Amino acid sequence: MYSAGDVRVEEREDPKIIEPTDAIVKLTATCICGSDLWPYRGIEPADHQVMGHEYVGVVEEVGADVKNVSPGDFVVGSFVISDNTCEICRAGFQSKCVHAEFVAQTIGTQAEKARIPHADGTLVATPGQPDAELVPALLAASDVLGTGWYAAVAAEAGPGKTVAVVGDGAVGLMAVLAARRLGAERVIAMSRHPERQRLARYYGATDIVEERGEAGVARIKELTDGLGAHSVVEAVGTQESFMQAVGATRGGGHLGYVGVNHDVTIPGIQLFFAGIHTLGGPAPVRRFLPELIQLIWDRAIDPGKVFDLTLPLEEAPEGYRAMDERRATKVLLTL
């Protein structure tokens, strides 16, 4: 991304092994994330920034110290590099690993190949070579499925619970899927977009709320006997969406927030008197990858339906425009 709104596809040198813990992955598919729209819209700086952080592909080469993956393995990788061995990783927060590195900032996987540091801690091999129809679902696990899953876990979605999901982008839709898979009794998707509403229903939403802000909070309380939801997922990252999520959470409830926020100001007194639990931030996708890959492999879930536009990598600029204009929920890029 040269600058806001200016995305170009250009030739670069093939990546090479630098550290003995590296792997080179020949990518099979990659995609555009909603968070990529922040620099595209000029909200984050972009100056010849490599793009992309979601990826699946075949290991082409490994460094001397890599033990868990081998050339020829089909792998899914997290959008945050981690060693998966430090104390923080072992506690389940790989996105805060002592070696954490955001793939989008230094590597960029909207490309044909990528060098993945700490390959043993970041990449997970699938049980075999996947059919082509499984590739979109496995790609979703690299970020949006893992992030939506973490949000639902952070919100303590589970049996007997009512879950409200603020945000109808790919992560919000994956949070709907996760909440139902975790056993939630009722899942309320907050959406005004007909196509996304239909997909939310497919993934298990029992109710759709179109209102936003205070009206959205009022509608959630109306649906929950005036109490609010037990579990709320915030998957947008704006001031309105965050405060809507806080207001929709019942006293003693849990809020899982994973929307990348910009200039969100939380009134301390309002949060104090809300009396809720909060947990969020960059999702430790690596923590969930083995389970999610197996669920996908067994055809128990199909997160790949979140991709509603497929383009070749050469047409990535059009993919950005489509997502920016909400003509697409999530764009898959083929290689």
C-alpha atoms as a PDB file:
ATOM      1  CA  MET A   1       0.000   0.000   0.000  1.00  0.00           C
ATOM      2  CA  TYR A   2       1.758   3.114  -1.252  1.00  0.00           C
ATOM      3  CA  SER A   3      -0.639   5.442   0.541  1.00  0.00           C
ATOM      4  CA  ALA A   4      -4.307   5.645   1.498  1.00  0.00           C
ATOM      5  CA  GLY A   5      -6.399   4.237  -1.342  1.00  0.00           C
ATOM      6  CA  ASP A   6      -3.340   3.327  -3.415  1.00  0.00           C
ATOM      7  CA  VAL A   7      -2.765  -0.435  -3.518  1.00  0.00           C
ATOM      8  CA  ARG A   8      -0.386  -1.914  -6.094  1.00  0.00           C
ATOM      9  CA  VAL A   9       0.860  -5.389  -6.916  1.00  0.00           C
ATOM     10  CA  GLU A  10       4.587  -5.428  -7.673  1.00  0.00           C
ATOM     11  CA  GLU A  11       7.484  -7.846  -8.083  1.00  0.00           C
ATOM     12  CA  ARG A  12       9.810  -8.442  -5.134  1.00  0.00           C
ATOM     13  CA  GLU A  13      12.638 -10.846  -4.412  1.00  0.00           C
ATOM     14  CA  ASP A  14      11.653 -14.253  -3.112  1.00  0.00           C
ATOM     15  CA  PRO A  15      11.984 -14.511   0.678  1.00  0.00           C
ATOM     16  CA  LYS A  16      14.904 -16.514   2.059  1.00  0.00           C
ATOM     17  CA  ILE A  17      15.682 -18.271   5.317  1.00  0.00           C
ATOM     18  CA  ILE A  18      17.317 -15.777   7.676  1.00  0.00           C
ATOM     19  CA  GLU A  19      17.060 -17.445  11.092  1.00  0.00           C
ATOM     20  CA  PRO A  20      17.236 -21.205  11.763  1.00  0.00           C
ATOM     21  CA  THR A  21      13.679 -21.032  13.141  1.00  0.00           C
ATOM     22  CA  ASP A  22      12.257 -19.672   9.842  1.00  0.00           C
ATOM     23  CA  ALA A  23      10.131 -21.411   7.237  1.00  0.00           C
ATOM     24  CA  ILE A  24       9.363 -20.365   3.685  1.00  0.00           C
ATOM     25  CA  VAL A  25       5.737 -20.982   2.725  1.00  0.00           C
ATOM     26  CA  LYS A  26       4.454 -21.018  -0.847  1.00  0.00           C
ATOM     27  CA  LEU A  27       1.015 -19.537  -0.321  1.00  0.00           C
ATOM     28  CA  THR A  28      -2.071 -21.235  -1.704  1.00  0.00           C
ATOM     29  CA  ALA A  29      -4.506 -18.467  -0.755  1.00  0.00           C
ATOM     30  CA  THR A  30      -4.558 -15.215   1.147  1.00  0.00           C
ATOM     31  CA  CYS A  31      -7.164 -12.515   1.707  1.00  0.00           C
ATOM     32  CA  ILE A  32      -8.013  -8.951   2.634  1.00  0.00           C
ATOM     33  CA  CYS A  33      -8.955  -8.223   6.239  1.00  0.00           C
ATOM     34  CA  GLY A  34     -11.301  -5.570   7.555  1.00  0.00           C
ATOM     35  CA  SER A  35      -8.361  -4.182   9.519  1.00  0.00           C
ATOM     36  CA  ASP A  36      -6.556  -3.584   6.208  1.00  0.00           C
ATOM     37  CA  LEU A  37      -9.171  -0.919   5.524  1.00  0.00           C
ATOM     38  CA  TRP A  38      -7.852   1.314   8.317  1.00  0.00           C
ATOM     39  CA  PRO A  39      -4.717   2.325   6.359  1.00  0.00           C
ATOM     40  CA  TYR A  40      -6.659   2.144   3.089  1.00  0.00           C
ATOM     41  CA  ARG A  41      -9.001   4.811   4.442  1.00  0.00           C
ATOM     42  CA  GLY A  42      -6.159   6.908   5.836  1.00  0.00           C
ATOM     43  CA  ILE A  43      -6.986   6.230   9.480  1.00  0.00           C
ATOM     44  CA  GLU A  44      -3.607   4.494   9.934  1.00  0.00           C
ATOM     45  CA  PRO A  45      -0.431   5.627   8.155  1.00  0.00           C
ATOM     46  CA  ALA A  46       0.633   3.721   5.048  1.00  0.00           C
ATOM     47  CA  ASP A  47       3.858   4.387   3.164  1.00  0.00           C
ATOM     48  CA  HIS A  48       4.851   1.529   0.851  1.00  0.00           C
ATOM     49  CA  GLN A  49       3.553  -0.881   3.509  1.00  0.00           C
ATOM     50  CA  VAL A  50       3.548  -4.601   2.728  1.00  0.00           C
ATOM     51  CA  MET A  51       0.044  -5.939   3.259  1.00  0.00           C
ATOM     52  CA  GLY A  52      -1.639  -9.132   4.397  1.00  0.00           C
ATOM     53  CA  HIS A  53      -1.560 -11.296   7.492  1.00  0.00           C
ATOM     54  CA  GLU A  54      -3.880 -14.244   6.743  1.00  0.00           C
ATOM     55  CA  TYR A  55      -2.380 -17.197   4.916  1.00  0.00           C
ATOM     56  CA  VAL A  56      -2.354 -20.894   4.153  1.00  0.00           C
ATOM     57  CA  GLY A  57       0.035 -22.783   1.947  1.00  0.00           C
ATOM     58  CA  VAL A  58       2.695 -25.438   1.517  1.00  0.00           C
ATOM     59  CA  VAL A  59       6.009 -25.348   3.351  1.00  0.00           C
ATOM     60  CA  GLU A  60       8.791 -25.019   0.792  1.00  0.00           C
ATOM     61  CA  GLU A  61      11.873 -24.766   3.007  1.00  0.00           C
ATOM     62  CA  VAL A  62      12.675 -24.774   6.729  1.00  0.00           C
ATOM     63  CA  GLY A  63      15.566 -23.590   8.865  1.00  0.00           C
ATOM     64  CA  ALA A  64      17.845 -25.995  10.688  1.00  0.00           C
ATOM     65  CA  ASP A  65      16.003 -25.658  14.024  1.00  0.00           C
ATOM     66  CA  VAL A  66      12.454 -26.204  12.728  1.00  0.00           C
ATOM     67  CA  LYS A  67      11.056 -29.522  13.976  1.00  0.00           C
ATOM     68  CA  ASN A  68       7.247 -29.369  13.852  1.00  0.00           C
ATOM     69  CA  VAL A  69       6.674 -28.695  10.147  1.00  0.00           C
ATOM     70  CA  SER A  70       8.449 -30.038   7.092  1.00  0.00           C
ATOM     71  CA  PRO A  71       8.672 -29.220   3.401  1.00  0.00           C
ATOM     72  CA  GLY A  72       5.490 -30.411   1.722  1.00  0.00           C
ATOM     73  CA  ASP A  73       3.237 -29.848   4.747  1.00  0.00           C
ATOM     74  CA  PHE A  74       0.097 -27.802   4.175  1.00  0.00           C
ATOM     75  CA  VAL A  75      -0.020 -25.265   6.994  1.00  0.00           C
ATOM     76  CA  VAL A  76      -2.234 -22.614   8.548  1.00  0.00           C
ATOM     77  CA  GLY A  77      -0.481 -19.744  10.296  1.00  0.00           C
ATOM     78  CA  SER A  78      -1.500 -17.214  12.909  1.00  0.00           C
ATOM     79  CA  PHE A  79      -1.437 -13.502  12.079  1.00  0.00           C
ATOM     80  CA  VAL A  80       0.908 -12.988  15.061  1.00  0.00           C
ATOM     81  CA  ILE A  81       4.280 -14.722  15.184  1.00  0.00           C
ATOM     82  CA  SER A  82       4.897 -16.604  18.442  1.00  0.00           C
ATOM     83  CA  ASP A  83       7.323 -19.161  19.798  1.00  0.00           C
ATOM     84  CA  ASN A  84       4.467 -20.975  21.613  1.00  0.00           C
ATOM     85  CA  THR A  85       6.861 -21.881  24.429  1.00  0.00           C
ATOM     86  CA  CYS A  86       7.290 -18.763  26.588  1.00  0.00           C
ATOM     87  CA  GLU A  87       5.286 -18.345  29.807  1.00  0.00           C
ATOM     88  CA  ILE A  88       2.759 -16.053  28.158  1.00  0.00           C
ATOM     89  CA  CYS A  89       2.225 -18.462  25.272  1.00  0.00           C
ATOM     90  CA  ARG A  90       1.786 -21.374  27.654  1.00  0.00           C
ATOM     91  CA  ALA A  91      -0.882 -19.352  29.451  1.00  0.00           C
ATOM     92  CA  GLY A  92      -2.781 -19.130  26.148  1.00  0.00           C
ATOM     93  CA  PHE A  93      -1.952 -15.592  25.046  1.00  0.00           C
ATOM     94  CA  GLN A  94       0.359 -16.204  22.091  1.00  0.00           C
ATOM     95  CA  SER A  95      -0.463 -12.788  20.618  1.00  0.00           C
ATOM     96  CA  LYS A  96       1.533 -11.323  23.540  1.00  0.00           C
ATOM     97  CA  CYS A  97       4.461 -13.723  23.150  1.00  0.00           C
ATOM     98  CA  VAL A  98       7.858 -12.353  24.131  1.00  0.00           C
ATOM     99  CA  HIS A  99       8.727 -12.751  20.442  1.00  0.00           C
ATOM    100  CA  ALA A 100       5.385 -11.458  19.142  1.00  0.00           C
ATOM    101  CA  GLU A 101       5.578  -9.920  15.699  1.00  0.00           C
ATOM    102  CA  PHE A 102       2.593  -8.848  13.608  1.00  0.00           C
ATOM    103  CA  VAL A 103       2.744 -10.478  10.197  1.00  0.00           C
ATOM    104  CA  ALA A 104       1.070  -7.458   8.602  1.00  0.00           C
ATOM    105  CA  GLN A 105       3.739  -5.037   9.781  1.00  0.00           C
ATOM    106  CA  THR A 106       6.912  -6.800   8.718  1.00  0.00           C
ATOM    107  CA  ILE A 107       6.151  -9.792   6.476  1.00  0.00           C
ATOM    108  CA  GLY A 108       3.008  -9.283   4.427  1.00  0.00           C
ATOM    109  CA  THR A 109       1.187 -12.341   3.114  1.00  0.00           C
ATOM    110  CA  GLN A 110      -0.760 -10.848   0.221  1.00  0.00           C
ATOM    111  CA  ALA A 111       1.988 -12.440  -1.804  1.00  0.00           C
ATOM    112  CA  GLU A 112       3.067 -15.660  -3.498  1.00  0.00           C
ATOM    113  CA  LYS A 113       5.542 -16.640  -0.783  1.00  0.00           C
ATOM    114  CA  ALA A 114       6.302 -15.599   2.782  1.00  0.00           C
ATOM    115  CA  ARG A 115       9.049 -16.099   5.337  1.00  0.00           C
ATOM    116  CA  ILE A 116       7.477 -17.098   8.649  1.00  0.00           C
ATOM    117  CA  PRO A 117       9.698 -16.627  11.737  1.00  0.00           C
ATOM    118  CA  HIS A 118       9.346 -19.012  14.693  1.00  0.00           C
ATOM    119  CA  ALA A 119       7.702 -21.500  12.367  1.00  0.00           C
ATOM    120  CA  ASP A 120       7.335 -24.193  15.043  1.00  0.00           C
ATOM    121  CA  GLY A 121       5.303 -21.842  17.211  1.00  0.00           C
ATOM    122  CA  THR A 122       3.313 -20.089  14.495  1.00  0.00           C
ATOM    123  CA  LEU A 123       2.408 -22.707  11.876  1.00  0.00           C
ATOM    124  CA  VAL A 124       0.124 -25.710  12.320  1.00  0.00           C
ATOM    125  CA  ALA A 125       0.058 -28.496   9.744  1.00  0.00           C
ATOM    126  CA  THR A 126      -3.232 -29.934   8.561  1.00  0.00           C
ATOM    127  CA  PRO A 127      -3.811 -33.712   8.822  1.00  0.00           C
ATOM    128  CA  GLY A 128      -3.079 -34.044   5.104  1.00  0.00           C
ATOM    129  CA  GLN A 129      -3.341 -32.158   1.828  1.00  0.00           C
ATOM    130  CA  PRO A 130      -6.765 -30.467   1.831  1.00  0.00           C
ATOM    131  CA  ASP A 131      -9.267 -30.547  -0.994  1.00  0.00           C
ATOM    132  CA  ALA A 132      -9.668 -27.228  -2.781  1.00  0.00           C
ATOM    133  CA  GLU A 133     -13.082 -26.749  -1.171  1.00  0.00           C
ATOM    134  CA  LEU A 134     -11.487 -26.729   2.295  1.00  0.00           C
ATOM    135  CA  VAL A 135      -8.925 -24.023   1.521  1.00  0.00           C
ATOM    136  CA  PRO A 136     -11.247 -21.015   2.167  1.00  0.00           C
ATOM    137  CA  ALA A 137     -12.314 -22.464   5.509  1.00  0.00           C
ATOM    138  CA  LEU A 138      -8.719 -23.121   6.560  1.00  0.00           C
ATOM    139  CA  LEU A 139      -7.756 -19.611   5.473  1.00  0.00           C
ATOM    140  CA  ALA A 140     -10.501 -18.188   7.701  1.00  0.00           C
ATOM    141  CA  ALA A 141      -8.892 -19.975  10.658  1.00  0.00           C
ATOM    142  CA  SER A 142      -5.727 -17.889  10.194  1.00  0.00           C
ATOM    143  CA  ASP A 143      -7.457 -14.803  11.610  1.00  0.00           C
ATOM    144  CA  VAL A 144     -11.179 -14.104  11.411  1.00  0.00           C
ATOM    145  CA  LEU A 145     -12.378 -17.489  12.686  1.00  0.00           C
ATOM    146  CA  GLY A 146      -9.715 -17.584  15.396  1.00  0.00           C
ATOM    147  CA  THR A 147     -10.463 -13.984  16.348  1.00  0.00           C
ATOM    148  CA  GLY A 148     -14.222 -14.521  16.446  1.00  0.00           C
ATOM    149  CA  TRP A 149     -13.674 -17.686  18.469  1.00  0.00           C
ATOM    150  CA  TYR A 150     -11.450 -15.885  20.950  1.00  0.00           C
ATOM    151  CA  ALA A 151     -14.028 -13.105  21.279  1.00  0.00           C
ATOM    152  CA  ALA A 152     -16.743 -15.626  22.115  1.00  0.00           C
ATOM    153  CA  VAL A 153     -14.460 -17.394  24.617  1.00  0.00           C
ATOM    154  CA  ALA A 154     -13.472 -14.062  26.186  1.00  0.00           C
ATOM    155  CA  ALA A 155     -17.168 -13.219  26.506  1.00  0.00           C
ATOM    156  CA  GLU A 156     -17.702 -16.635  28.125  1.00  0.00           C
ATOM    157  CA  ALA A 157     -20.324 -17.716  25.624  1.00  0.00           C
ATOM    158  CA  GLY A 158     -21.732 -21.073  26.597  1.00  0.00           C
ATOM    159  CA  PRO A 159     -24.774 -23.198  27.392  1.00  0.00           C
ATOM    160  CA  GLY A 160     -27.755 -21.270  28.698  1.00  0.00           C
ATOM    161  CA  LYS A 161     -26.224 -17.918  27.716  1.00  0.00           C
ATOM    162  CA  THR A 162     -27.570 -15.135  25.516  1.00  0.00           C
ATOM    163  CA  VAL A 163     -24.810 -13.699  23.327  1.00  0.00           C
ATOM    164  CA  ALA A 164     -24.990 -10.394  21.472  1.00  0.00           C
ATOM    165  CA  VAL A 165     -22.534  -9.715  18.651  1.00  0.00           C
ATOM    166  CA  VAL A 166     -21.867  -6.082  17.741  1.00  0.00           C
ATOM    167  CA  GLY A 167     -20.514  -6.014  14.190  1.00  0.00           C
ATOM    168  CA  ASP A 168     -21.518  -7.942  11.081  1.00  0.00           C
ATOM    169  CA  GLY A 169     -18.135  -8.121   9.336  1.00  0.00           C
ATOM    170  CA  ALA A 170     -16.225 -11.359   8.970  1.00  0.00           C
ATOM    171  CA  VAL A 171     -15.084 -11.441  12.616  1.00  0.00           C
ATOM    172  CA  GLY A 172     -18.580 -10.744  13.918  1.00  0.00           C
ATOM    173  CA  LEU A 173     -20.017 -13.508  11.750  1.00  0.00           C
ATOM    174  CA  MET A 174     -17.341 -15.902  12.998  1.00  0.00           C
ATOM    175  CA  ALA A 175     -18.210 -14.927  16.571  1.00  0.00           C
ATOM    176  CA  VAL A 176     -21.800 -15.954  15.831  1.00  0.00           C
ATOM    177  CA  LEU A 177     -20.531 -19.336  14.607  1.00  0.00           C
ATOM    178  CA  ALA A 178     -18.305 -19.717  17.663  1.00  0.00           C
ATOM    179  CA  ALA A 179     -21.003 -18.752  20.146  1.00  0.00           C
ATOM    180  CA  ARG A 180     -23.364 -21.383  18.769  1.00  0.00           C
ATOM    181  CA  ARG A 181     -20.608 -23.983  18.660  1.00  0.00           C
ATOM    182  CA  LEU A 182     -19.795 -23.209  22.301  1.00  0.00           C
ATOM    183  CA  GLY A 183     -23.414 -23.939  23.172  1.00  0.00           C
ATOM    184  CA  ALA A 184     -25.026 -20.518  23.514  1.00  0.00           C
ATOM    185  CA  GLU A 185     -28.790 -20.766  23.772  1.00  0.00           C
ATOM    186  CA  ARG A 186     -29.467 -17.495  21.978  1.00  0.00           C
ATOM    187  CA  VAL A 187     -27.262 -15.442  19.651  1.00  0.00           C
ATOM    188  CA  ILE A 188     -28.286 -11.923  18.695  1.00  0.00           C
ATOM    189  CA  ALA A 189     -26.514 -10.522  15.631  1.00  0.00           C
ATOM    190  CA  MET A 190     -26.545  -6.748  15.264  1.00  0.00           C
ATOM    191  CA  SER A 191     -26.654  -6.018  11.539  1.00  0.00           C
ATOM    192  CA  ARG A 192     -28.353  -3.812   8.960  1.00  0.00           C
ATOM    193  CA  HIS A 193     -26.982  -5.614   5.914  1.00  0.00           C
ATOM    194  CA  PRO A 194     -29.422  -8.194   4.393  1.00  0.00           C
ATOM    195  CA  GLU A 195     -26.728 -10.499   2.975  1.00  0.00           C
ATOM    196  CA  ARG A 196     -24.801 -10.493   6.248  1.00  0.00           C
ATOM    197  CA  GLN A 197     -28.004 -11.079   8.182  1.00  0.00           C
ATOM    198  CA  ARG A 198     -28.620 -14.197   6.085  1.00  0.00           C
ATOM    199  CA  LEU A 199     -25.106 -15.441   6.738  1.00  0.00           C
ATOM    200  CA  ALA A 200     -25.485 -14.725  10.451  1.00  0.00           C
ATOM    201  CA  ARG A 201     -28.642 -16.860  10.434  1.00  0.00           C
ATOM    202  CA  TYR A 202     -26.741 -19.618   8.632  1.00  0.00           C
ATOM    203  CA  TYR A 203     -24.079 -19.560  11.329  1.00  0.00           C
ATOM    204  CA  GLY A 204     -26.653 -19.792  14.100  1.00  0.00           C
ATOM    205  CA  ALA A 205     -28.014 -16.339  14.952  1.00  0.00           C
ATOM    206  CA  THR A 206     -31.440 -16.637  16.536  1.00  0.00           C
ATOM    207  CA  ASP A 207     -32.253 -12.914  16.437  1.00  0.00           C
ATOM    208  CA  ILE A 208     -31.267  -9.910  14.310  1.00  0.00           C
ATOM    209  CA  VAL A 209     -31.145  -6.376  15.714  1.00  0.00           C
ATOM    210  CA  GLU A 210     -30.798  -3.521  13.230  1.00  0.00           C
ATOM    211  CA  GLU A 211     -30.770  -0.638  15.716  1.00  0.00           C
ATOM    212  CA  ARG A 212     -27.477   0.964  16.728  1.00  0.00           C
ATOM    213  CA  GLY A 213     -26.166   3.037  19.621  1.00  0.00           C
ATOM    214  CA  GLU A 214     -28.572   3.659  22.460  1.00  0.00           C
ATOM    215  CA  ALA A 215     -31.449   2.300  20.384  1.00  0.00           C
ATOM    216  CA  GLY A 216     -29.466  -0.906  19.884  1.00  0.00           C
ATOM    217  CA  VAL A 217     -28.827  -1.202  23.623  1.00  0.00           C
ATOM    218  CA  ALA A 218     -32.523  -0.663  24.325  1.00  0.00           C
ATOM    219  CA  ARG A 219     -33.472  -3.385  21.845  1.00  0.00           C
ATOM    220  CA  ILE A 220     -31.037  -5.875  23.400  1.00  0.00           C
ATOM    221  CA  LYS A 221     -32.479  -5.164  26.839  1.00  0.00           C
ATOM    222  CA  GLU A 222     -35.986  -5.541  25.469  1.00  0.00           C
ATOM    223  CA  LEU A 223     -35.048  -9.004  24.217  1.00  0.00           C
ATOM    224  CA  THR A 224     -33.464  -9.993  27.544  1.00  0.00           C
ATOM    225  CA  ASP A 225     -36.124  -8.968  30.085  1.00  0.00           C
ATOM    226  CA  GLY A 226     -34.376  -5.643  30.675  1.00  0.00           C
ATOM    227  CA  LEU A 227     -31.123  -7.264  31.828  1.00  0.00           C
ATOM    228  CA  GLY A 228     -28.827  -7.241  28.791  1.00  0.00           C
ATOM    229  CA  ALA A 229     -26.903 -10.154  27.299  1.00  0.00           C
ATOM    230  CA  HIS A 230     -24.779 -12.498  29.401  1.00  0.00           C
ATOM    231  CA  SER A 231     -22.018 -12.313  26.782  1.00  0.00           C
ATOM    232  CA  VAL A 232     -21.277  -9.552  24.276  1.00  0.00           C
ATOM    233  CA  VAL A 233     -18.745  -9.498  21.447  1.00  0.00           C
ATOM    234  CA  GLU A 234     -17.465  -6.153  20.111  1.00  0.00           C
ATOM    235  CA  ALA A 235     -16.085  -6.707  16.613  1.00  0.00           C
ATOM    236  CA  VAL A 236     -15.943  -3.236  15.069  1.00  0.00           C
ATOM    237  CA  GLY A 237     -13.676  -0.873  16.995  1.00  0.00           C
ATOM    238  CA  THR A 238     -15.532   2.445  16.873  1.00  0.00           C
ATOM    239  CA  GLN A 239     -16.646   4.643  19.765  1.00  0.00           C
ATOM    240  CA  GLU A 240     -20.303   3.893  19.077  1.00  0.00           C
ATOM    241  CA  SER A 241     -19.846   0.136  18.744  1.00  0.00           C
ATOM    242  CA  PHE A 242     -17.753  -0.153  21.906  1.00  0.00           C
ATOM    243  CA  MET A 243     -20.157   1.828  24.056  1.00  0.00           C
ATOM    244  CA  GLN A 244     -23.059  -0.075  22.526  1.00  0.00           C
ATOM    245  CA  ALA A 245     -21.340  -3.304  23.569  1.00  0.00           C
ATOM    246  CA  VAL A 246     -20.743  -2.058  27.107  1.00  0.00           C
ATOM    247  CA  GLY A 247     -24.367  -0.966  27.409  1.00  0.00           C
ATOM    248  CA  ALA A 248     -25.690  -4.276  26.047  1.00  0.00           C
ATOM    249  CA  THR A 249     -23.809  -6.363  28.648  1.00  0.00           C
ATOM    250  CA  ARG A 250     -25.762  -7.196  31.779  1.00  0.00           C
ATOM    251  CA  GLY A 251     -24.336  -6.547  35.203  1.00  0.00           C
ATOM    252  CA  GLY A 252     -21.787  -9.268  35.951  1.00  0.00           C
ATOM    253  CA  GLY A 253     -21.693 -10.238  32.276  1.00  0.00           C
ATOM    254  CA  HIS A 254     -18.679 -10.591  30.026  1.00  0.00           C
ATOM    255  CA  LEU A 255     -17.545  -8.428  27.119  1.00  0.00           C
ATOM    256  CA  GLY A 256     -15.045  -9.789  24.595  1.00  0.00           C
ATOM    257  CA  TYR A 257     -13.626  -7.011  22.436  1.00  0.00           C
ATOM    258  CA  VAL A 258     -11.592  -7.716  19.316  1.00  0.00           C
ATOM    259  CA  GLY A 259     -12.421  -4.801  16.995  1.00  0.00           C
ATOM    260  CA  VAL A 260      -9.199  -2.889  16.267  1.00  0.00           C
ATOM    261  CA  ASN A 261     -10.125   0.446  17.811  1.00  0.00           C
ATOM    262  CA  HIS A 262      -9.052   3.929  16.858  1.00  0.00           C
ATOM    263  CA  ASP A 263      -9.673   6.944  19.082  1.00  0.00           C
ATOM    264  CA  VAL A 264     -12.094   5.024  21.297  1.00  0.00           C
ATOM    265  CA  THR A 265     -12.478   6.775  24.645  1.00  0.00           C
ATOM    266  CA  ILE A 266     -14.120   4.778  27.415  1.00  0.00           C
ATOM    267  CA  PRO A 267     -15.653   6.932  30.173  1.00  0.00           C
ATOM    268  CA  GLY A 268     -14.190   5.436  33.313  1.00  0.00           C
ATOM    269  CA  ILE A 269     -17.235   6.169  35.433  1.00  0.00           C
ATOM    270  CA  GLN A 270     -19.533   4.477  32.932  1.00  0.00           C
ATOM    271  CA  LEU A 271     -17.370   1.369  32.811  1.00  0.00           C
ATOM    272  CA  PHE A 272     -17.083   1.396  36.614  1.00  0.00           C
ATOM    273  CA  PHE A 273     -20.835   1.373  37.133  1.00  0.00           C
ATOM    274  CA  ALA A 274     -21.445  -1.123  34.328  1.00  0.00           C
ATOM    275  CA  GLY A 275     -20.060  -3.822  36.618  1.00  0.00           C
ATOM    276  CA  ILE A 276     -18.909  -6.112  33.809  1.00  0.00           C
ATOM    277  CA  HIS A 277     -15.906  -8.287  32.956  1.00  0.00           C
ATOM    278  CA  THR A 278     -13.850  -7.256  29.931  1.00  0.00           C
ATOM    279  CA  LEU A 279     -11.194  -9.164  27.977  1.00  0.00           C
ATOM    280  CA  GLY A 280      -9.916  -8.647  24.460  1.00  0.00           C
ATOM    281  CA  GLY A 281      -7.215  -7.313  22.205  1.00  0.00           C
ATOM    282  CA  PRO A 282      -5.293  -9.124  19.448  1.00  0.00           C
ATOM    283  CA  ALA A 283      -6.563 -12.697  19.424  1.00  0.00           C
ATOM    284  CA  PRO A 284      -4.199 -15.526  20.363  1.00  0.00           C
ATOM    285  CA  VAL A 285      -5.247 -17.436  17.252  1.00  0.00           C
ATOM    286  CA  ARG A 286      -2.413 -19.974  17.654  1.00  0.00           C
ATOM    287  CA  ARG A 287      -4.090 -21.192  20.866  1.00  0.00           C
ATOM    288  CA  PHE A 288      -7.161 -22.327  18.927  1.00  0.00           C
ATOM    289  CA  LEU A 289      -5.666 -23.430  15.604  1.00  0.00           C
ATOM    290  CA  PRO A 290      -5.352 -27.189  16.308  1.00  0.00           C
ATOM    291  CA  GLU A 291      -8.995 -27.429  17.405  1.00  0.00           C
ATOM    292  CA  LEU A 292     -10.315 -25.215  14.598  1.00  0.00           C
ATOM    293  CA  ILE A 293      -8.341 -27.031  11.903  1.00  0.00           C
ATOM    294  CA  GLN A 294      -9.744 -30.361  13.087  1.00  0.00           C
ATOM    295  CA  LEU A 295     -13.314 -29.029  13.127  1.00  0.00           C
ATOM    296  CA  ILE A 296     -12.854 -27.791   9.564  1.00  0.00           C
ATOM    297  CA  TRP A 297     -11.168 -31.019   8.471  1.00  0.00           C
ATOM    298  CA  ASP A 298     -14.087 -33.016   9.880  1.00  0.00           C
ATOM    299  CA  ARG A 299     -16.561 -30.714   8.053  1.00  0.00           C
ATOM    300  CA  ALA A 300     -18.120 -29.822  11.415  1.00  0.00           C
ATOM    301  CA  ILE A 301     -17.954 -26.083  10.608  1.00  0.00           C
ATOM    302  CA  ASP A 302     -17.659 -24.110   7.367  1.00  0.00           C
ATOM    303  CA  PRO A 303     -16.220 -20.652   8.039  1.00  0.00           C
ATOM    304  CA  GLY A 304     -15.218 -20.347   4.386  1.00  0.00           C
ATOM    305  CA  LYS A 305     -18.657 -19.030   3.465  1.00  0.00           C
ATOM    306  CA  VAL A 306     -17.567 -15.681   4.903  1.00  0.00           C
ATOM    307  CA  PHE A 307     -15.659 -15.098   1.640  1.00  0.00           C
ATOM    308  CA  ASP A 308     -18.118 -13.650  -0.843  1.00  0.00           C
ATOM    309  CA  LEU A 309     -15.689 -12.450  -3.507  1.00  0.00           C
ATOM    310  CA  THR A 310     -12.702 -14.290  -4.978  1.00  0.00           C
ATOM    311  CA  LEU A 311     -10.109 -12.522  -7.103  1.00  0.00           C
ATOM    312  CA  PRO A 312      -6.596 -13.299  -8.348  1.00  0.00           C
ATOM    313  CA  LEU A 313      -3.821 -11.579  -6.424  1.00  0.00           C
ATOM    314  CA  GLU A 314      -3.229  -9.282  -9.393  1.00  0.00           C
ATOM    315  CA  GLU A 315      -6.676  -7.763  -8.801  1.00  0.00           C
ATOM    316  CA  ALA A 316      -6.096  -7.004  -5.103  1.00  0.00           C
ATOM    317  CA  PRO A 317      -6.793  -3.258  -5.618  1.00  0.00           C
ATOM    318  CA  GLU A 318     -10.334  -4.110  -6.748  1.00  0.00           C
ATOM    319  CA  GLY A 319     -10.721  -6.319  -3.678  1.00  0.00           C
ATOM    320  CA  TYR A 320      -9.872  -3.380  -1.437  1.00  0.00           C
ATOM    321  CA  ARG A 321     -12.388  -1.187  -3.251  1.00  0.00           C
ATOM    322  CA  ALA A 322     -15.096  -3.831  -2.942  1.00  0.00           C
ATOM    323  CA  MET A 323     -14.623  -4.171   0.806  1.00  0.00           C
ATOM    324  CA  ASP A 324     -14.307  -0.437   1.340  1.00  0.00           C
ATOM    325  CA  GLU A 325     -17.599   0.104  -0.491  1.00  0.00           C
ATOM    326  CA  ARG A 326     -19.234  -2.831   1.369  1.00  0.00           C
ATOM    327  CA  ARG A 327     -19.800  -4.686  -1.890  1.00  0.00           C
ATOM    328  CA  ALA A 328     -17.970  -7.601  -0.288  1.00  0.00           C
ATOM    329  CA  THR A 329     -17.736  -8.874   3.279  1.00  0.00           C
ATOM    330  CA  LYS A 330     -14.343 -10.520   2.770  1.00  0.00           C
ATOM    331  CA  VAL A 331     -12.211 -11.015  -0.328  1.00  0.00           C
ATOM    332  CA  LEU A 332     -10.192 -14.173  -0.974  1.00  0.00           C
ATOM    333  CA  LEU A 333      -7.108 -13.762  -3.171  1.00  0.00           C
ATOM    334  CA  THR A 334      -5.981 -16.747  -5.228  1.00  0.00           C
ATOM    335  CA  LEU A 335      -2.392 -17.400  -6.270  1.00  0.00           C
END
